[in-house]
């Protein structure tokens, strides 16, 4: 089975990823997920990186309720550290 190295972290902004670590992913793919949340008053942005979850690759998630809006989008890539700094983190900025 192919494996690759990916960046792993979670962020509560669109600029910095906290506690970046390097992890080995047995599937050979990395993933970046961008997220946006609005609660009627404030907007929150964030993203996370890690090993690809195949069922999330290329998926757009969205839910809305009374004064609540949530969006997420995941992008997967192949190759060592392919989920490094990219514009995708700021998808909802």
PDB file of N, CA and C in Angstrom:
ATOM      1  N   UNK A   1       0.840  -1.195   0.000  1.00  0.00           N
ATOM      2  CA  UNK A   1       0.000   0.000   0.000  1.00  0.00           C
ATOM      3  C   UNK A   1       0.875   1.244   0.000  1.00  0.00           C
ATOM      4  N   UNK A   2       0.460   2.206  -0.774  1.00  0.00           N
ATOM      5  CA  UNK A   2       1.194   3.458  -0.822  1.00  0.00           C
ATOM      6  C   UNK A   2       0.950   4.247   0.447  1.00  0.00           C
ATOM      7  N   UNK A   3       1.985   4.904   0.921  1.00  0.00           N
ATOM      8  CA  UNK A   3       1.771   5.839   2.014  1.00  0.00           C
ATOM      9  C   UNK A   3       2.497   7.124   1.664  1.00  0.00           C
ATOM     10  N   UNK A   4       2.079   8.206   2.279  1.00  0.00           N
ATOM     11  CA  UNK A   4       2.767   9.463   2.046  1.00  0.00           C
ATOM     12  C   UNK A   4       2.722  10.279   3.324  1.00  0.00           C
ATOM     13  N   UNK A   5       3.498  11.336   3.351  1.00  0.00           N
ATOM     14  CA  UNK A   5       3.533  12.220   4.505  1.00  0.00           C
ATOM     15  C   UNK A   5       2.641  13.416   4.237  1.00  0.00           C
ATOM     16  N   UNK A   6       1.883  13.811   5.248  1.00  0.00           N
ATOM     17  CA  UNK A   6       0.967  14.935   5.104  1.00  0.00           C
ATOM     18  C   UNK A   6       1.109  15.858   6.304  1.00  0.00           C
ATOM     19  N   UNK A   7       0.720  17.100   6.097  1.00  0.00           N
ATOM     20  CA  UNK A   7       0.632  18.023   7.220  1.00  0.00           C
ATOM     21  C   UNK A   7      -0.686  17.769   7.942  1.00  0.00           C
ATOM     22  N   UNK A   8      -0.655  17.885   9.248  1.00  0.00           N
ATOM     23  CA  UNK A   8      -1.862  17.712  10.043  1.00  0.00           C
ATOM     24  C   UNK A   8      -1.974  18.880  11.013  1.00  0.00           C
ATOM     25  N   UNK A   9      -3.139  19.512  11.058  1.00  0.00           N
ATOM     26  CA  UNK A   9      -3.353  20.622  11.983  1.00  0.00           C
ATOM     27  C   UNK A   9      -4.814  21.025  11.952  1.00  0.00           C
ATOM     28  N   UNK A  10      -5.187  21.867  12.894  1.00  0.00           N
ATOM     29  CA  UNK A  10      -6.529  22.435  12.953  1.00  0.00           C
ATOM     30  C   UNK A  10      -6.368  23.929  13.144  1.00  0.00           C
ATOM     31  N   UNK A  11      -7.215  24.717  12.494  1.00  0.00           N
ATOM     32  CA  UNK A  11      -7.104  26.160  12.606  1.00  0.00           C
ATOM     33  C   UNK A  11      -8.458  26.796  12.842  1.00  0.00           C
ATOM     34  N   UNK A  12      -8.460  27.880  13.599  1.00  0.00           N
ATOM     35  CA  UNK A  12      -9.676  28.658  13.803  1.00  0.00           C
ATOM     36  C   UNK A  12      -9.600  29.982  13.069  1.00  0.00           C
ATOM     37  N   UNK A  13      -8.766  30.039  12.052  1.00  0.00           N
ATOM     38  CA  UNK A  13      -8.682  31.237  11.220  1.00  0.00           C
ATOM     39  C   UNK A  13      -8.394  30.776   9.802  1.00  0.00           C
ATOM     40  N   UNK A  14      -8.212  31.710   8.896  1.00  0.00           N
ATOM     41  CA  UNK A  14      -7.888  31.307   7.530  1.00  0.00           C
ATOM     42  C   UNK A  14      -6.411  31.510   7.253  1.00  0.00           C
ATOM     43  N   UNK A  15      -5.642  31.838   8.270  1.00  0.00           N
ATOM     44  CA  UNK A  15      -4.247  32.154   8.008  1.00  0.00           C
ATOM     45  C   UNK A  15      -3.261  31.204   8.658  1.00  0.00           C
ATOM     46  N   UNK A  16      -3.477  30.851   9.911  1.00  0.00           N
ATOM     47  CA  UNK A  16      -2.485  30.019  10.572  1.00  0.00           C
ATOM     48  C   UNK A  16      -3.077  28.688  10.982  1.00  0.00           C
ATOM     49  N   UNK A  17      -2.269  27.667  10.880  1.00  0.00           N
ATOM     50  CA  UNK A  17      -2.684  26.334  11.293  1.00  0.00           C
ATOM     51  C   UNK A  17      -1.927  26.012  12.576  1.00  0.00           C
ATOM     52  N   UNK A  18      -2.663  25.727  13.640  1.00  0.00           N
ATOM     53  CA  UNK A  18      -2.033  25.512  14.936  1.00  0.00           C
ATOM     54  C   UNK A  18      -1.473  24.103  15.078  1.00  0.00           C
ATOM     55  N   UNK A  19      -0.361  24.016  15.780  1.00  0.00           N
ATOM     56  CA  UNK A  19       0.237  22.723  16.123  1.00  0.00           C
ATOM     57  C   UNK A  19       0.421  21.843  14.885  1.00  0.00           C
ATOM     58  N   UNK A  20       1.110  22.377  13.895  1.00  0.00           N
ATOM     59  CA  UNK A  20       1.316  21.604  12.667  1.00  0.00           C
ATOM     60  C   UNK A  20       2.223  20.414  12.961  1.00  0.00           C
ATOM     61  N   UNK A  21       1.763  19.242  12.570  1.00  0.00           N
ATOM     62  CA  UNK A  21       2.590  18.050  12.705  1.00  0.00           C
ATOM     63  C   UNK A  21       2.669  17.360  11.357  1.00  0.00           C
ATOM     64  N   UNK A  22       3.596  16.439  11.248  1.00  0.00           N
ATOM     65  CA  UNK A  22       3.729  15.663  10.025  1.00  0.00           C
ATOM     66  C   UNK A  22       3.310  14.238  10.344  1.00  0.00           C
ATOM     67  N   UNK A  23       2.366  13.736   9.580  1.00  0.00           N
ATOM     68  CA  UNK A  23       1.853  12.395   9.844  1.00  0.00           C
ATOM     69  C   UNK A  23       1.981  11.541   8.597  1.00  0.00           C
ATOM     70  N   UNK A  24       2.042  10.238   8.808  1.00  0.00           N
ATOM     71  CA  UNK A  24       2.095   9.318   7.677  1.00  0.00           C
ATOM     72  C   UNK A  24       0.690   8.825   7.389  1.00  0.00           C
ATOM     73  N   UNK A  25       0.304   8.910   6.123  1.00  0.00           N
ATOM     74  CA  UNK A  25      -1.044   8.509   5.729  1.00  0.00           C
ATOM     75  C   UNK A  25      -0.967   7.270   4.847  1.00  0.00           C
ATOM     76  N   UNK A  26      -1.509   6.155   5.318  1.00  0.00           N
ATOM     77  CA  UNK A  26      -1.404   4.896   4.580  1.00  0.00           C
ATOM     78  C   UNK A  26      -2.084   4.926   3.222  1.00  0.00           C
ATOM     79  N   UNK A  27      -3.086   5.777   3.055  1.00  0.00           N
ATOM     80  CA  UNK A  27      -3.788   5.815   1.777  1.00  0.00           C
ATOM     81  C   UNK A  27      -3.046   6.550   0.682  1.00  0.00           C
ATOM     82  N   UNK A  28      -1.979   7.251   1.038  1.00  0.00           N
ATOM     83  CA  UNK A  28      -1.204   7.960   0.030  1.00  0.00           C
ATOM     84  C   UNK A  28      -1.793   9.291  -0.392  1.00  0.00           C
ATOM     85  N   UNK A  29      -2.805   9.760   0.331  1.00  0.00           N
ATOM     86  CA  UNK A  29      -3.418  11.045  -0.016  1.00  0.00           C
ATOM     87  C   UNK A  29      -3.543  11.928   1.220  1.00  0.00           C
ATOM     88  N   UNK A  30      -3.428  13.234   0.981  1.00  0.00           N
ATOM     89  CA  UNK A  30      -3.615  14.221   2.046  1.00  0.00           C
ATOM     90  C   UNK A  30      -4.919  14.972   1.779  1.00  0.00           C
ATOM     91  N   UNK A  31      -5.386  15.702   2.790  1.00  0.00           N
ATOM     92  CA  UNK A  31      -6.638  16.426   2.622  1.00  0.00           C
ATOM     93  C   UNK A  31      -6.583  17.762   3.352  1.00  0.00           C
ATOM     94  N   UNK A  32      -7.216  18.760   2.751  1.00  0.00           N
ATOM     95  CA  UNK A  32      -7.467  20.033   3.421  1.00  0.00           C
ATOM     96  C   UNK A  32      -8.974  20.254   3.412  1.00  0.00           C
ATOM     97  N   UNK A  33      -9.535  20.576   4.557  1.00  0.00           N
ATOM     98  CA  UNK A  33     -10.962  20.877   4.655  1.00  0.00           C
ATOM     99  C   UNK A  33     -11.135  22.317   5.121  1.00  0.00           C
ATOM    100  N   UNK A  34     -11.820  23.115   4.320  1.00  0.00           N
ATOM    101  CA  UNK A  34     -12.108  24.502   4.682  1.00  0.00           C
ATOM    102  C   UNK A  34     -13.507  24.558   5.276  1.00  0.00           C
ATOM    103  N   UNK A  35     -13.681  25.402   6.296  1.00  0.00           N
ATOM    104  CA  UNK A  35     -14.966  25.465   6.979  1.00  0.00           C
ATOM    105  C   UNK A  35     -15.394  26.905   7.230  1.00  0.00           C
ATOM    106  N   UNK A  36     -16.690  27.113   7.200  1.00  0.00           N
ATOM    107  CA  UNK A  36     -17.264  28.423   7.493  1.00  0.00           C
ATOM    108  C   UNK A  36     -18.509  28.213   8.343  1.00  0.00           C
ATOM    109  N   UNK A  37     -18.645  29.016   9.395  1.00  0.00           N
ATOM    110  CA  UNK A  37     -19.807  28.887  10.271  1.00  0.00           C
ATOM    111  C   UNK A  37     -20.299  30.279  10.635  1.00  0.00           C
ATOM    112  N   UNK A  38     -21.597  30.488  10.540  1.00  0.00           N
ATOM    113  CA  UNK A  38     -22.199  31.772  10.893  1.00  0.00           C
ATOM    114  C   UNK A  38     -23.358  31.509  11.838  1.00  0.00           C
ATOM    115  N   UNK A  39     -23.377  32.193  12.984  1.00  0.00           N
ATOM    116  CA  UNK A  39     -24.413  31.912  13.983  1.00  0.00           C
ATOM    117  C   UNK A  39     -25.431  33.037  14.117  1.00  0.00           C
ATOM    118  N   UNK A  40     -25.521  33.904  13.107  1.00  0.00           N
ATOM    119  CA  UNK A  40     -26.466  34.998  13.173  1.00  0.00           C
ATOM    120  C   UNK A  40     -25.841  36.278  13.679  1.00  0.00           C
ATOM    121  N   UNK A  41     -24.710  36.154  14.354  1.00  0.00           N
ATOM    122  CA  UNK A  41     -24.005  37.321  14.880  1.00  0.00           C
ATOM    123  C   UNK A  41     -22.572  37.357  14.366  1.00  0.00           C
ATOM    124  N   UNK A  42     -21.870  36.269  14.564  1.00  0.00           N
ATOM    125  CA  UNK A  42     -20.463  36.205  14.186  1.00  0.00           C
ATOM    126  C   UNK A  42     -20.205  35.144  13.132  1.00  0.00           C
ATOM    127  N   UNK A  43     -19.160  35.375  12.365  1.00  0.00           N
ATOM    128  CA  UNK A  43     -18.706  34.389  11.388  1.00  0.00           C
ATOM    129  C   UNK A  43     -17.413  33.763  11.890  1.00  0.00           C
ATOM    130  N   UNK A  44     -17.294  32.481  11.695  1.00  0.00           N
ATOM    131  CA  UNK A  44     -16.082  31.770  12.069  1.00  0.00           C
ATOM    132  C   UNK A  44     -15.552  31.053  10.838  1.00  0.00           C
ATOM    133  N   UNK A  45     -14.241  31.139  10.663  1.00  0.00           N
ATOM    134  CA  UNK A  45     -13.609  30.454   9.544  1.00  0.00           C
ATOM    135  C   UNK A  45     -12.566  29.510  10.115  1.00  0.00           C
ATOM    136  N   UNK A  46     -12.279  28.484   9.386  1.00  0.00           N
ATOM    137  CA  UNK A  46     -11.218  27.600   9.834  1.00  0.00           C
ATOM    138  C   UNK A  46     -10.926  26.551   8.792  1.00  0.00           C
ATOM    139  N   UNK A  47      -9.918  25.777   9.065  1.00  0.00           N
ATOM    140  CA  UNK A  47      -9.617  24.659   8.179  1.00  0.00           C
ATOM    141  C   UNK A  47      -8.858  23.612   8.969  1.00  0.00           C
ATOM    142  N   UNK A  48      -8.820  22.427   8.441  1.00  0.00           N
ATOM    143  CA  UNK A  48      -8.003  21.396   9.049  1.00  0.00           C
ATOM    144  C   UNK A  48      -7.327  20.588   7.963  1.00  0.00           C
ATOM    145  N   UNK A  49      -6.216  20.016   8.328  1.00  0.00           N
ATOM    146  CA  UNK A  49      -5.438  19.219   7.384  1.00  0.00           C
ATOM    147  C   UNK A  49      -5.151  17.869   8.002  1.00  0.00           C
ATOM    148  N   UNK A  50      -4.968  16.891   7.153  1.00  0.00           N
ATOM    149  CA  UNK A  50      -4.642  15.563   7.651  1.00  0.00           C
ATOM    150  C   UNK A  50      -4.707  14.549   6.525  1.00  0.00           C
ATOM    151  N   UNK A  51      -4.857  13.294   6.918  1.00  0.00           N
ATOM    152  CA  UNK A  51      -4.975  12.224   5.922  1.00  0.00           C
ATOM    153  C   UNK A  51      -6.332  12.320   5.232  1.00  0.00           C
ATOM    154  N   UNK A  52      -6.349  11.962   3.973  1.00  0.00           N
ATOM    155  CA  UNK A  52      -7.594  12.020   3.215  1.00  0.00           C
ATOM    156  C   UNK A  52      -8.584  10.979   3.717  1.00  0.00           C
ATOM    157  N   UNK A  53      -9.834  11.401   3.818  1.00  0.00           N
ATOM    158  CA  UNK A  53     -10.933  10.466   4.028  1.00  0.00           C
ATOM    159  C   UNK A  53     -11.626  10.380   2.674  1.00  0.00           C
ATOM    160  N   UNK A  54     -11.505   9.241   2.037  1.00  0.00           N
ATOM    161  CA  UNK A  54     -11.913   9.115   0.637  1.00  0.00           C
ATOM    162  C   UNK A  54     -13.335   9.600   0.387  1.00  0.00           C
ATOM    163  N   UNK A  55     -14.235   9.351   1.341  1.00  0.00           N
ATOM    164  CA  UNK A  55     -15.632   9.736   1.123  1.00  0.00           C
ATOM    165  C   UNK A  55     -15.820  11.251   1.186  1.00  0.00           C
ATOM    166  N   UNK A  56     -14.806  11.973   1.677  1.00  0.00           N
ATOM    167  CA  UNK A  56     -14.928  13.429   1.763  1.00  0.00           C
ATOM    168  C   UNK A  56     -14.248  14.148   0.604  1.00  0.00           C
ATOM    169  N   UNK A  57     -13.439  13.447  -0.157  1.00  0.00           N
ATOM    170  CA  UNK A  57     -12.683  14.097  -1.228  1.00  0.00           C
ATOM    171  C   UNK A  57     -13.614  14.763  -2.234  1.00  0.00           C
ATOM    172  N   UNK A  58     -13.425  16.040  -2.438  1.00  0.00           N
ATOM    173  CA  UNK A  58     -14.225  16.763  -3.417  1.00  0.00           C
ATOM    174  C   UNK A  58     -15.642  17.058  -2.969  1.00  0.00           C
ATOM    175  N   UNK A  59     -15.945  16.783  -1.704  1.00  0.00           N
ATOM    176  CA  UNK A  59     -17.315  16.986  -1.230  1.00  0.00           C
ATOM    177  C   UNK A  59     -17.523  18.400  -0.700  1.00  0.00           C
ATOM    178  N   UNK A  60     -18.695  18.929  -0.977  1.00  0.00           N
ATOM    179  CA  UNK A  60     -19.105  20.212  -0.411  1.00  0.00           C
ATOM    180  C   UNK A  60     -20.221  19.908   0.582  1.00  0.00           C
ATOM    181  N   UNK A  61     -20.075  20.410   1.791  1.00  0.00           N
ATOM    182  CA  UNK A  61     -21.126  20.216   2.782  1.00  0.00           C
ATOM    183  C   UNK A  61     -21.749  21.556   3.101  1.00  0.00           C
ATOM    184  N   UNK A  62     -23.036  21.550   3.363  1.00  0.00           N
ATOM    185  CA  UNK A  62     -23.701  22.822   3.625  1.00  0.00           C
ATOM    186  C   UNK A  62     -24.960  22.544   4.420  1.00  0.00           C
ATOM    187  N   UNK A  63     -25.192  23.357   5.429  1.00  0.00           N
ATOM    188  CA  UNK A  63     -26.459  23.246   6.139  1.00  0.00           C
ATOM    189  C   UNK A  63     -26.855  24.626   6.626  1.00  0.00           C
ATOM    190  N   UNK A  64     -28.139  24.894   6.592  1.00  0.00           N
ATOM    191  CA  UNK A  64     -28.631  26.186   7.049  1.00  0.00           C
ATOM    192  C   UNK A  64     -29.821  25.958   7.959  1.00  0.00           C
ATOM    193  N   UNK A  65     -29.958  26.832   8.920  1.00  0.00           N
ATOM    194  CA  UNK A  65     -31.088  26.766   9.830  1.00  0.00           C
ATOM    195  C   UNK A  65     -31.465  28.194  10.161  1.00  0.00           C
ATOM    196  N   UNK A  66     -32.213  28.388  11.218  1.00  0.00           N
ATOM    197  CA  UNK A  66     -32.583  29.733  11.635  1.00  0.00           C
ATOM    198  C   UNK A  66     -31.328  30.440  12.141  1.00  0.00           C
ATOM    199  N   UNK A  67     -30.913  31.470  11.414  1.00  0.00           N
ATOM    200  CA  UNK A  67     -29.725  32.244  11.785  1.00  0.00           C
ATOM    201  C   UNK A  67     -28.437  31.429  11.842  1.00  0.00           C
ATOM    202  N   UNK A  68     -28.434  30.262  11.233  1.00  0.00           N
ATOM    203  CA  UNK A  68     -27.223  29.453  11.268  1.00  0.00           C
ATOM    204  C   UNK A  68     -26.864  29.014   9.853  1.00  0.00           C
ATOM    205  N   UNK A  69     -25.607  29.110   9.550  1.00  0.00           N
ATOM    206  CA  UNK A  69     -25.141  28.676   8.239  1.00  0.00           C
ATOM    207  C   UNK A  69     -23.804  27.977   8.420  1.00  0.00           C
ATOM    208  N   UNK A  70     -23.663  26.830   7.798  1.00  0.00           N
ATOM    209  CA  UNK A  70     -22.414  26.083   7.894  1.00  0.00           C
ATOM    210  C   UNK A  70     -22.039  25.573   6.511  1.00  0.00           C
ATOM    211  N   UNK A  71     -20.775  25.733   6.164  1.00  0.00           N
ATOM    212  CA  UNK A  71     -20.291  25.207   4.895  1.00  0.00           C
ATOM    213  C   UNK A  71     -18.947  24.547   5.123  1.00  0.00           C
ATOM    214  N   UNK A  72     -18.702  23.480   4.425  1.00  0.00           N
ATOM    215  CA  UNK A  72     -17.380  22.879   4.458  1.00  0.00           C
ATOM    216  C   UNK A  72     -17.084  22.303   3.088  1.00  0.00           C
ATOM    217  N   UNK A  73     -15.818  22.246   2.781  1.00  0.00           N
ATOM    218  CA  UNK A  73     -15.400  21.744   1.487  1.00  0.00           C
ATOM    219  C   UNK A  73     -14.056  21.062   1.662  1.00  0.00           C
ATOM    220  N   UNK A  74     -13.913  19.879   1.087  1.00  0.00           N
ATOM    221  CA  UNK A  74     -12.681  19.113   1.259  1.00  0.00           C
ATOM    222  C   UNK A  74     -11.992  18.861  -0.069  1.00  0.00           C
ATOM    223  N   UNK A  75     -10.689  19.017  -0.057  1.00  0.00           N
ATOM    224  CA  UNK A  75      -9.905  18.725  -1.255  1.00  0.00           C
ATOM    225  C   UNK A  75      -8.799  17.753  -0.894  1.00  0.00           C
ATOM    226  N   UNK A  76      -8.649  16.723  -1.698  1.00  0.00           N
ATOM    227  CA  UNK A  76      -7.617  15.719  -1.467  1.00  0.00           C
ATOM    228  C   UNK A  76      -6.551  15.817  -2.551  1.00  0.00           C
ATOM    229  N   UNK A  77      -5.362  15.371  -2.214  1.00  0.00           N
ATOM    230  CA  UNK A  77      -4.265  15.421  -3.177  1.00  0.00           C
ATOM    231  C   UNK A  77      -3.316  14.267  -2.900  1.00  0.00           C
ATOM    232  N   UNK A  78      -2.508  13.945  -3.896  1.00  0.00           N
ATOM    233  CA  UNK A  78      -1.553  12.847  -3.767  1.00  0.00           C
ATOM    234  C   UNK A  78      -0.137  13.393  -3.681  1.00  0.00           C
ATOM    235  N   UNK A  79       0.666  12.766  -2.845  1.00  0.00           N
ATOM    236  CA  UNK A  79       2.075  13.143  -2.784  1.00  0.00           C
ATOM    237  C   UNK A  79       2.459  13.730  -1.437  1.00  0.00           C
ATOM    238  N   UNK A  80       3.725  13.603  -1.094  1.00  0.00           N
ATOM    239  CA  UNK A  80       4.210  14.093   0.190  1.00  0.00           C
ATOM    240  C   UNK A  80       3.958  15.586   0.360  1.00  0.00           C
ATOM    241  N   UNK A  81       3.334  15.928   1.460  1.00  0.00           N
ATOM    242  CA  UNK A  81       3.110  17.328   1.854  1.00  0.00           C
ATOM    243  C   UNK A  81       2.381  18.147   0.792  1.00  0.00           C
ATOM    244  N   UNK A  82       1.526  17.490   0.012  1.00  0.00           N
ATOM    245  CA  UNK A  82       0.787  18.217  -1.032  1.00  0.00           C
ATOM    246  C   UNK A  82      -0.282  19.118  -0.423  1.00  0.00           C
ATOM    247  N   UNK A  83      -0.584  18.950   0.866  1.00  0.00           N
ATOM    248  CA  UNK A  83      -1.579  19.812   1.501  1.00  0.00           C
ATOM    249  C   UNK A  83      -0.911  20.919   2.315  1.00  0.00           C
ATOM    250  N   UNK A  84       0.198  21.409   1.807  1.00  0.00           N
ATOM    251  CA  UNK A  84       0.876  22.539   2.434  1.00  0.00           C
ATOM    252  C   UNK A  84       0.098  23.815   2.189  1.00  0.00           C
ATOM    253  N   UNK A  85       0.750  24.933   2.348  1.00  0.00           N
ATOM    254  CA  UNK A  85       0.067  26.222   2.206  1.00  0.00           C
ATOM    255  C   UNK A  85      -0.542  26.353   0.816  1.00  0.00           C
ATOM    256  N   UNK A  86      -1.817  26.620   0.764  1.00  0.00           N
ATOM    257  CA  UNK A  86      -2.455  26.857  -0.533  1.00  0.00           C
ATOM    258  C   UNK A  86      -3.660  27.766  -0.355  1.00  0.00           C
ATOM    259  N   UNK A  87      -4.156  28.273  -1.444  1.00  0.00           N
ATOM    260  CA  UNK A  87      -5.279  29.209  -1.407  1.00  0.00           C
ATOM    261  C   UNK A  87      -6.555  28.553  -0.893  1.00  0.00           C
ATOM    262  N   UNK A  88      -6.593  27.241  -0.930  1.00  0.00           N
ATOM    263  CA  UNK A  88      -7.808  26.525  -0.553  1.00  0.00           C
ATOM    264  C   UNK A  88      -8.219  26.802   0.885  1.00  0.00           C
ATOM    265  N   UNK A  89      -7.231  27.058   1.743  1.00  0.00           N
ATOM    266  CA  UNK A  89      -7.531  27.321   3.148  1.00  0.00           C
ATOM    267  C   UNK A  89      -8.424  28.544   3.293  1.00  0.00           C
ATOM    268  N   UNK A  90      -8.348  29.460   2.329  1.00  0.00           N
ATOM    269  CA  UNK A  90      -9.101  30.711   2.411  1.00  0.00           C
ATOM    270  C   UNK A  90     -10.330  30.700   1.513  1.00  0.00           C
ATOM    271  N   UNK A  91     -10.818  29.511   1.216  1.00  0.00           N
ATOM    272  CA  UNK A  91     -11.941  29.363   0.294  1.00  0.00           C
ATOM    273  C   UNK A  91     -13.145  30.219   0.685  1.00  0.00           C
ATOM    274  N   UNK A  92     -13.425  30.327   1.963  1.00  0.00           N
ATOM    275  CA  UNK A  92     -14.617  31.059   2.402  1.00  0.00           C
ATOM    276  C   UNK A  92     -14.290  32.438   2.954  1.00  0.00           C
ATOM    277  N   UNK A  93     -13.037  32.843   2.845  1.00  0.00           N
ATOM    278  CA  UNK A  93     -12.620  34.119   3.421  1.00  0.00           C
ATOM    279  C   UNK A  93     -13.279  35.287   2.701  1.00  0.00           C
TER     280      UNK A  93
END
